[in-house]
């Protein structure tokens, strides 16, 4: 049994935490009902997104960052994600493990990925699966990271087909993340359980994306040109 923590990590500010929201009754059967709506960017917003990527903030830092977050991913990035997942899925299945179906649907959908515009937490894929030190029969599969490199979320897959979402402060499953060839020992990392299922965590993530959208709109209205 892993120690428990909030959805977005043990240092989450409880006064602002998504923990305060009540999960909808159908979160486990229809999680993508709650995926953020698609946003169509204007030509001016697409230009701002390009400028942000090139560290040109002359159009306003916040406006440029928002446009960058909301811009659809390039086709090649979608193709690369799906190809990498196909290889990883084979490795997971060779271990006798099973992904939750909603996770597979999310990873394989370009449309869903283009609707994700969280300002701090982004979905990703690992280079390899990692045994949980406390129980090597269960495996950690990296699914999300915090943009400052402080927080990481993993699927915790069990041989009986069950799963949970685990949080830790290190990118278990990513190679070449540390300078000088340093190799992290997973046994030295504290691992927490932050959700009982992928559907529970991803619906909370969707809600947080939309909360971030509202915050950004308020900031743009309050500080035009910022």
C-alpha atoms as a PDB file:
ATOM      1  CA  UNK A   1       0.000   0.000   0.000  1.00  0.00           C
ATOM      2  CA  UNK A   2       1.493   3.324  -1.081  1.00  0.00           C
ATOM      3  CA  UNK A   3       1.072   6.511   0.973  1.00  0.00           C
ATOM      4  CA  UNK A   4      -1.643   8.763  -0.438  1.00  0.00           C
ATOM      5  CA  UNK A   5      -1.295  12.326  -1.725  1.00  0.00           C
ATOM      6  CA  UNK A   6      -3.517  14.824  -3.611  1.00  0.00           C
ATOM      7  CA  UNK A   7      -4.007  14.455  -7.369  1.00  0.00           C
ATOM      8  CA  UNK A   8      -1.220  16.870  -8.245  1.00  0.00           C
ATOM      9  CA  UNK A   9       1.314  16.001  -5.578  1.00  0.00           C
ATOM     10  CA  UNK A  10       1.929  16.241  -1.836  1.00  0.00           C
ATOM     11  CA  UNK A  11       2.898  19.929  -2.007  1.00  0.00           C
ATOM     12  CA  UNK A  12      -0.368  20.983  -3.690  1.00  0.00           C
ATOM     13  CA  UNK A  13      -1.932  24.037  -2.048  1.00  0.00           C
ATOM     14  CA  UNK A  14      -5.113  22.627  -0.542  1.00  0.00           C
ATOM     15  CA  UNK A  15      -6.810  26.024  -0.647  1.00  0.00           C
ATOM     16  CA  UNK A  16      -6.489  25.978  -4.449  1.00  0.00           C
ATOM     17  CA  UNK A  17      -6.577  22.217  -4.881  1.00  0.00           C
ATOM     18  CA  UNK A  18      -8.773  20.399  -7.340  1.00  0.00           C
ATOM     19  CA  UNK A  19      -9.463  18.045  -4.428  1.00  0.00           C
ATOM     20  CA  UNK A  20     -12.308  20.399  -3.516  1.00  0.00           C
ATOM     21  CA  UNK A  21     -14.293  19.440  -6.597  1.00  0.00           C
ATOM     22  CA  UNK A  22     -16.686  16.497  -6.584  1.00  0.00           C
ATOM     23  CA  UNK A  23     -16.054  13.819  -9.193  1.00  0.00           C
ATOM     24  CA  UNK A  24     -18.999  13.468 -11.596  1.00  0.00           C
ATOM     25  CA  UNK A  25     -20.909  10.206 -11.333  1.00  0.00           C
ATOM     26  CA  UNK A  26     -19.899   9.091 -14.835  1.00  0.00           C
ATOM     27  CA  UNK A  27     -16.163   9.939 -14.573  1.00  0.00           C
ATOM     28  CA  UNK A  28     -15.199   6.282 -14.867  1.00  0.00           C
ATOM     29  CA  UNK A  29     -17.501   5.407 -17.773  1.00  0.00           C
ATOM     30  CA  UNK A  30     -17.390   8.617 -19.840  1.00  0.00           C
ATOM     31  CA  UNK A  31     -14.216  10.559 -18.917  1.00  0.00           C
ATOM     32  CA  UNK A  32     -13.888  12.255 -22.292  1.00  0.00           C
ATOM     33  CA  UNK A  33     -17.176  14.018 -21.758  1.00  0.00           C
ATOM     34  CA  UNK A  34     -15.042  16.386 -19.679  1.00  0.00           C
ATOM     35  CA  UNK A  35     -12.146  16.959 -22.077  1.00  0.00           C
ATOM     36  CA  UNK A  36     -11.779  20.719 -22.739  1.00  0.00           C
ATOM     37  CA  UNK A  37     -13.538  22.086 -25.797  1.00  0.00           C
ATOM     38  CA  UNK A  38     -11.494  22.684 -28.930  1.00  0.00           C
ATOM     39  CA  UNK A  39     -10.339  26.260 -29.562  1.00  0.00           C
ATOM     40  CA  UNK A  40      -9.745  27.655 -33.053  1.00  0.00           C
ATOM     41  CA  UNK A  41      -6.965  30.231 -33.108  1.00  0.00           C
ATOM     42  CA  UNK A  42      -6.959  33.292 -35.346  1.00  0.00           C
ATOM     43  CA  UNK A  43      -4.047  34.021 -37.676  1.00  0.00           C
ATOM     44  CA  UNK A  44      -2.864  36.653 -35.204  1.00  0.00           C
ATOM     45  CA  UNK A  45      -2.899  34.129 -32.354  1.00  0.00           C
ATOM     46  CA  UNK A  46      -1.012  31.569 -34.436  1.00  0.00           C
ATOM     47  CA  UNK A  47       1.618  34.240 -35.116  1.00  0.00           C
ATOM     48  CA  UNK A  48       1.881  34.910 -31.372  1.00  0.00           C
ATOM     49  CA  UNK A  49       2.370  31.184 -30.763  1.00  0.00           C
ATOM     50  CA  UNK A  50       5.220  31.088 -33.298  1.00  0.00           C
ATOM     51  CA  UNK A  51       6.813  34.125 -31.690  1.00  0.00           C
ATOM     52  CA  UNK A  52       6.618  32.557 -28.225  1.00  0.00           C
ATOM     53  CA  UNK A  53       8.333  29.417 -29.485  1.00  0.00           C
ATOM     54  CA  UNK A  54      11.139  31.627 -30.812  1.00  0.00           C
ATOM     55  CA  UNK A  55      11.382  33.567 -27.533  1.00  0.00           C
ATOM     56  CA  UNK A  56       9.904  36.685 -29.089  1.00  0.00           C
ATOM     57  CA  UNK A  57       7.480  38.147 -26.557  1.00  0.00           C
ATOM     58  CA  UNK A  58       6.895  41.455 -28.343  1.00  0.00           C
ATOM     59  CA  UNK A  59       3.194  40.624 -28.710  1.00  0.00           C
ATOM     60  CA  UNK A  60       2.834  40.260 -24.945  1.00  0.00           C
ATOM     61  CA  UNK A  61       4.303  37.396 -22.921  1.00  0.00           C
ATOM     62  CA  UNK A  62       1.043  36.072 -21.491  1.00  0.00           C
ATOM     63  CA  UNK A  63      -0.931  36.359 -24.731  1.00  0.00           C
ATOM     64  CA  UNK A  64       1.884  34.613 -26.617  1.00  0.00           C
ATOM     65  CA  UNK A  65       2.150  31.822 -24.041  1.00  0.00           C
ATOM     66  CA  UNK A  66      -1.597  31.182 -24.077  1.00  0.00           C
ATOM     67  CA  UNK A  67      -1.579  30.990 -27.874  1.00  0.00           C
ATOM     68  CA  UNK A  68       1.358  28.558 -27.735  1.00  0.00           C
ATOM     69  CA  UNK A  69      -0.483  26.309 -25.257  1.00  0.00           C
ATOM     70  CA  UNK A  70      -3.651  26.347 -27.373  1.00  0.00           C
ATOM     71  CA  UNK A  71      -2.094  25.823 -30.794  1.00  0.00           C
ATOM     72  CA  UNK A  72      -2.621  22.335 -32.278  1.00  0.00           C
ATOM     73  CA  UNK A  73       0.479  20.115 -32.198  1.00  0.00           C
ATOM     74  CA  UNK A  74       2.326  19.627 -35.485  1.00  0.00           C
ATOM     75  CA  UNK A  75       1.357  16.514 -37.429  1.00  0.00           C
ATOM     76  CA  UNK A  76       4.813  14.979 -36.990  1.00  0.00           C
ATOM     77  CA  UNK A  77       4.554  15.270 -33.198  1.00  0.00           C
ATOM     78  CA  UNK A  78       1.274  13.388 -33.228  1.00  0.00           C
ATOM     79  CA  UNK A  79       2.788  10.694 -35.445  1.00  0.00           C
ATOM     80  CA  UNK A  80       5.863  10.409 -33.227  1.00  0.00           C
ATOM     81  CA  UNK A  81       3.726  10.036 -30.094  1.00  0.00           C
ATOM     82  CA  UNK A  82       1.586   7.299 -31.595  1.00  0.00           C
ATOM     83  CA  UNK A  83       4.595   5.406 -32.963  1.00  0.00           C
ATOM     84  CA  UNK A  84       6.415   5.513 -29.629  1.00  0.00           C
ATOM     85  CA  UNK A  85       3.305   4.335 -27.835  1.00  0.00           C
ATOM     86  CA  UNK A  86       2.936   1.360 -30.166  1.00  0.00           C
ATOM     87  CA  UNK A  87       6.425   0.172 -29.193  1.00  0.00           C
ATOM     88  CA  UNK A  88       5.873   0.786 -25.494  1.00  0.00           C
ATOM     89  CA  UNK A  89       2.546  -1.011 -25.576  1.00  0.00           C
ATOM     90  CA  UNK A  90       4.242  -4.139 -26.941  1.00  0.00           C
ATOM     91  CA  UNK A  91       6.723  -4.040 -24.053  1.00  0.00           C
ATOM     92  CA  UNK A  92       3.933  -3.621 -21.524  1.00  0.00           C
ATOM     93  CA  UNK A  93       1.970  -6.522 -22.996  1.00  0.00           C
ATOM     94  CA  UNK A  94       5.084  -8.723 -22.930  1.00  0.00           C
ATOM     95  CA  UNK A  95       5.148  -8.088 -19.183  1.00  0.00           C
ATOM     96  CA  UNK A  96       1.595  -9.451 -18.966  1.00  0.00           C
ATOM     97  CA  UNK A  97       0.238  -6.016 -18.066  1.00  0.00           C
ATOM     98  CA  UNK A  98      -2.738  -4.099 -19.432  1.00  0.00           C
ATOM     99  CA  UNK A  99      -3.278  -0.378 -19.963  1.00  0.00           C
ATOM    100  CA  UNK A 100      -6.608   1.152 -18.897  1.00  0.00           C
ATOM    101  CA  UNK A 101      -8.659   1.580 -22.063  1.00  0.00           C
ATOM    102  CA  UNK A 102      -9.221   5.308 -21.462  1.00  0.00           C
ATOM    103  CA  UNK A 103      -5.468   5.890 -21.394  1.00  0.00           C
ATOM    104  CA  UNK A 104      -5.057   4.127 -24.736  1.00  0.00           C
ATOM    105  CA  UNK A 105      -7.885   6.211 -26.201  1.00  0.00           C
ATOM    106  CA  UNK A 106      -6.283   9.441 -25.007  1.00  0.00           C
ATOM    107  CA  UNK A 107      -2.788   8.623 -26.265  1.00  0.00           C
ATOM    108  CA  UNK A 108      -4.057   7.554 -29.680  1.00  0.00           C
ATOM    109  CA  UNK A 109      -6.335  10.568 -30.241  1.00  0.00           C
ATOM    110  CA  UNK A 110      -4.759  13.601 -31.918  1.00  0.00           C
ATOM    111  CA  UNK A 111      -7.946  15.582 -31.257  1.00  0.00           C
ATOM    112  CA  UNK A 112      -7.866  14.999 -27.505  1.00  0.00           C
ATOM    113  CA  UNK A 113      -4.189  15.933 -27.319  1.00  0.00           C
ATOM    114  CA  UNK A 114      -4.836  19.180 -29.155  1.00  0.00           C
ATOM    115  CA  UNK A 115      -7.472  20.105 -26.575  1.00  0.00           C
ATOM    116  CA  UNK A 116      -5.075  19.771 -23.629  1.00  0.00           C
ATOM    117  CA  UNK A 117      -3.697  23.171 -22.680  1.00  0.00           C
ATOM    118  CA  UNK A 118      -2.670  22.864 -19.053  1.00  0.00           C
ATOM    119  CA  UNK A 119      -0.227  25.599 -18.088  1.00  0.00           C
ATOM    120  CA  UNK A 120       2.024  23.483 -15.854  1.00  0.00           C
ATOM    121  CA  UNK A 121       1.341  19.743 -16.292  1.00  0.00           C
ATOM    122  CA  UNK A 122       1.778  18.070 -19.681  1.00  0.00           C
ATOM    123  CA  UNK A 123       1.307  14.522 -20.884  1.00  0.00           C
ATOM    124  CA  UNK A 124       4.344  12.531 -21.976  1.00  0.00           C
ATOM    125  CA  UNK A 125       5.606   8.995 -22.564  1.00  0.00           C
ATOM    126  CA  UNK A 126       8.540   7.168 -20.945  1.00  0.00           C
ATOM    127  CA  UNK A 127      11.488   5.419 -22.534  1.00  0.00           C
ATOM    128  CA  UNK A 128      10.863   2.272 -20.499  1.00  0.00           C
ATOM    129  CA  UNK A 129       8.704   0.794 -17.771  1.00  0.00           C
ATOM    130  CA  UNK A 130      10.186   0.598 -14.278  1.00  0.00           C
ATOM    131  CA  UNK A 131       9.453  -1.940 -11.508  1.00  0.00           C
ATOM    132  CA  UNK A 132       8.011  -0.438  -8.330  1.00  0.00           C
ATOM    133  CA  UNK A 133      10.808  -0.988  -5.773  1.00  0.00           C
ATOM    134  CA  UNK A 134       8.382  -1.974  -3.012  1.00  0.00           C
ATOM    135  CA  UNK A 135       6.716  -4.560  -5.285  1.00  0.00           C
ATOM    136  CA  UNK A 136       8.601  -5.318  -8.551  1.00  0.00           C
ATOM    137  CA  UNK A 137       5.617  -7.221  -9.956  1.00  0.00           C
ATOM    138  CA  UNK A 138       3.946  -3.817 -10.381  1.00  0.00           C
ATOM    139  CA  UNK A 139       5.366  -1.446 -12.990  1.00  0.00           C
ATOM    140  CA  UNK A 140       5.564   2.344 -13.268  1.00  0.00           C
ATOM    141  CA  UNK A 141       4.763   3.927 -16.646  1.00  0.00           C
ATOM    142  CA  UNK A 142       5.393   7.675 -16.871  1.00  0.00           C
ATOM    143  CA  UNK A 143       2.415   9.659 -18.230  1.00  0.00           C
ATOM    144  CA  UNK A 144       2.827  13.324 -17.191  1.00  0.00           C
ATOM    145  CA  UNK A 145       5.376  15.864 -16.002  1.00  0.00           C
ATOM    146  CA  UNK A 146       5.385  19.312 -14.420  1.00  0.00           C
ATOM    147  CA  UNK A 147       7.069  21.908 -16.641  1.00  0.00           C
ATOM    148  CA  UNK A 148       9.615  22.956 -13.991  1.00  0.00           C
ATOM    149  CA  UNK A 149      10.801  19.346 -13.687  1.00  0.00           C
ATOM    150  CA  UNK A 150       9.675  18.899 -10.081  1.00  0.00           C
ATOM    151  CA  UNK A 151       6.724  16.501 -10.322  1.00  0.00           C
ATOM    152  CA  UNK A 152       5.917  13.358 -12.311  1.00  0.00           C
ATOM    153  CA  UNK A 153       2.894  11.088 -12.605  1.00  0.00           C
ATOM    154  CA  UNK A 154       2.939   7.397 -13.552  1.00  0.00           C
ATOM    155  CA  UNK A 155       0.475   4.651 -14.275  1.00  0.00           C
ATOM    156  CA  UNK A 156       1.026   1.919 -11.704  1.00  0.00           C
ATOM    157  CA  UNK A 157       0.188  -1.332 -13.510  1.00  0.00           C
ATOM    158  CA  UNK A 158      -0.442  -4.570 -11.628  1.00  0.00           C
ATOM    159  CA  UNK A 159      -0.308  -8.186 -12.916  1.00  0.00           C
ATOM    160  CA  UNK A 160      -3.994  -8.713 -12.103  1.00  0.00           C
ATOM    161  CA  UNK A 161      -4.989  -6.030 -14.622  1.00  0.00           C
ATOM    162  CA  UNK A 162      -5.691  -3.306 -12.072  1.00  0.00           C
ATOM    163  CA  UNK A 163      -3.963   0.049 -11.992  1.00  0.00           C
ATOM    164  CA  UNK A 164      -3.649   3.313 -10.070  1.00  0.00           C
ATOM    165  CA  UNK A 165      -1.931   6.674 -10.582  1.00  0.00           C
ATOM    166  CA  UNK A 166       1.339   7.210  -8.733  1.00  0.00           C
ATOM    167  CA  UNK A 167       3.173  10.467  -8.071  1.00  0.00           C
ATOM    168  CA  UNK A 168       6.876  10.976  -7.418  1.00  0.00           C
ATOM    169  CA  UNK A 169       9.418  13.779  -7.707  1.00  0.00           C
ATOM    170  CA  UNK A 170      11.576  11.999 -10.305  1.00  0.00           C
ATOM    171  CA  UNK A 171      10.994  10.905 -13.944  1.00  0.00           C
ATOM    172  CA  UNK A 172      11.140   7.137 -13.455  1.00  0.00           C
ATOM    173  CA  UNK A 173      11.267   5.585 -16.911  1.00  0.00           C
ATOM    174  CA  UNK A 174      13.127   8.402 -18.682  1.00  0.00           C
ATOM    175  CA  UNK A 175      16.737   7.871 -19.736  1.00  0.00           C
ATOM    176  CA  UNK A 176      19.552  10.431 -19.852  1.00  0.00           C
ATOM    177  CA  UNK A 177      17.755  12.887 -17.590  1.00  0.00           C
ATOM    178  CA  UNK A 178      20.723  13.593 -15.329  1.00  0.00           C
ATOM    179  CA  UNK A 179      24.117  15.194 -16.084  1.00  0.00           C
ATOM    180  CA  UNK A 180      27.395  13.327 -15.887  1.00  0.00           C
ATOM    181  CA  UNK A 181      25.873   9.921 -16.542  1.00  0.00           C
ATOM    182  CA  UNK A 182      24.275   9.799 -13.076  1.00  0.00           C
ATOM    183  CA  UNK A 183      21.733   6.973 -12.780  1.00  0.00           C
ATOM    184  CA  UNK A 184      18.925   7.377 -10.320  1.00  0.00           C
ATOM    185  CA  UNK A 185      18.183   4.450  -8.015  1.00  0.00           C
ATOM    186  CA  UNK A 186      14.355   4.100  -7.994  1.00  0.00           C
ATOM    187  CA  UNK A 187      14.562   2.616  -4.501  1.00  0.00           C
ATOM    188  CA  UNK A 188      15.599   6.059  -3.199  1.00  0.00           C
ATOM    189  CA  UNK A 189      12.478   7.777  -4.564  1.00  0.00           C
ATOM    190  CA  UNK A 190       9.306   8.285  -2.513  1.00  0.00           C
ATOM    191  CA  UNK A 191       6.273   7.090  -4.481  1.00  0.00           C
ATOM    192  CA  UNK A 192       2.710   8.083  -3.578  1.00  0.00           C
ATOM    193  CA  UNK A 193      -0.700   7.030  -4.849  1.00  0.00           C
ATOM    194  CA  UNK A 194      -2.623  10.102  -5.974  1.00  0.00           C
ATOM    195  CA  UNK A 195      -5.672   8.517  -7.672  1.00  0.00           C
ATOM    196  CA  UNK A 196      -7.363   5.133  -7.662  1.00  0.00           C
ATOM    197  CA  UNK A 197      -7.703   5.087 -11.456  1.00  0.00           C
ATOM    198  CA  UNK A 198      -6.608   6.845 -14.622  1.00  0.00           C
ATOM    199  CA  UNK A 199     -10.155   8.051 -15.268  1.00  0.00           C
ATOM    200  CA  UNK A 200     -10.323   9.700 -11.854  1.00  0.00           C
ATOM    201  CA  UNK A 201      -7.008  11.508 -12.379  1.00  0.00           C
ATOM    202  CA  UNK A 202      -7.595  12.559 -15.980  1.00  0.00           C
ATOM    203  CA  UNK A 203     -11.039  14.026 -15.248  1.00  0.00           C
ATOM    204  CA  UNK A 204      -9.434  16.074 -12.452  1.00  0.00           C
ATOM    205  CA  UNK A 205      -6.773  17.115 -14.977  1.00  0.00           C
ATOM    206  CA  UNK A 206      -9.425  18.145 -17.523  1.00  0.00           C
ATOM    207  CA  UNK A 207     -11.167  20.254 -14.877  1.00  0.00           C
ATOM    208  CA  UNK A 208      -7.862  21.882 -13.957  1.00  0.00           C
ATOM    209  CA  UNK A 209      -7.190  22.681 -17.634  1.00  0.00           C
ATOM    210  CA  UNK A 210     -10.496  24.523 -17.835  1.00  0.00           C
ATOM    211  CA  UNK A 211      -9.861  26.302 -14.552  1.00  0.00           C
ATOM    212  CA  UNK A 212      -6.544  27.481 -15.999  1.00  0.00           C
ATOM    213  CA  UNK A 213      -8.352  28.698 -19.124  1.00  0.00           C
ATOM    214  CA  UNK A 214     -10.689  30.822 -17.004  1.00  0.00           C
ATOM    215  CA  UNK A 215      -7.765  32.234 -15.030  1.00  0.00           C
ATOM    216  CA  UNK A 216      -5.929  33.187 -18.215  1.00  0.00           C
ATOM    217  CA  UNK A 217      -8.987  34.901 -19.673  1.00  0.00           C
ATOM    218  CA  UNK A 218      -9.384  36.903 -16.457  1.00  0.00           C
ATOM    219  CA  UNK A 219      -5.701  37.906 -16.601  1.00  0.00           C
ATOM    220  CA  UNK A 220      -5.942  39.012 -20.244  1.00  0.00           C
ATOM    221  CA  UNK A 221      -9.041  41.066 -19.498  1.00  0.00           C
ATOM    222  CA  UNK A 222      -7.475  42.635 -16.427  1.00  0.00           C
ATOM    223  CA  UNK A 223      -4.058  43.264 -17.992  1.00  0.00           C
ATOM    224  CA  UNK A 224      -4.539  43.764 -21.768  1.00  0.00           C
ATOM    225  CA  UNK A 225      -1.304  43.547 -23.722  1.00  0.00           C
ATOM    226  CA  UNK A 226       0.467  41.653 -20.927  1.00  0.00           C
END
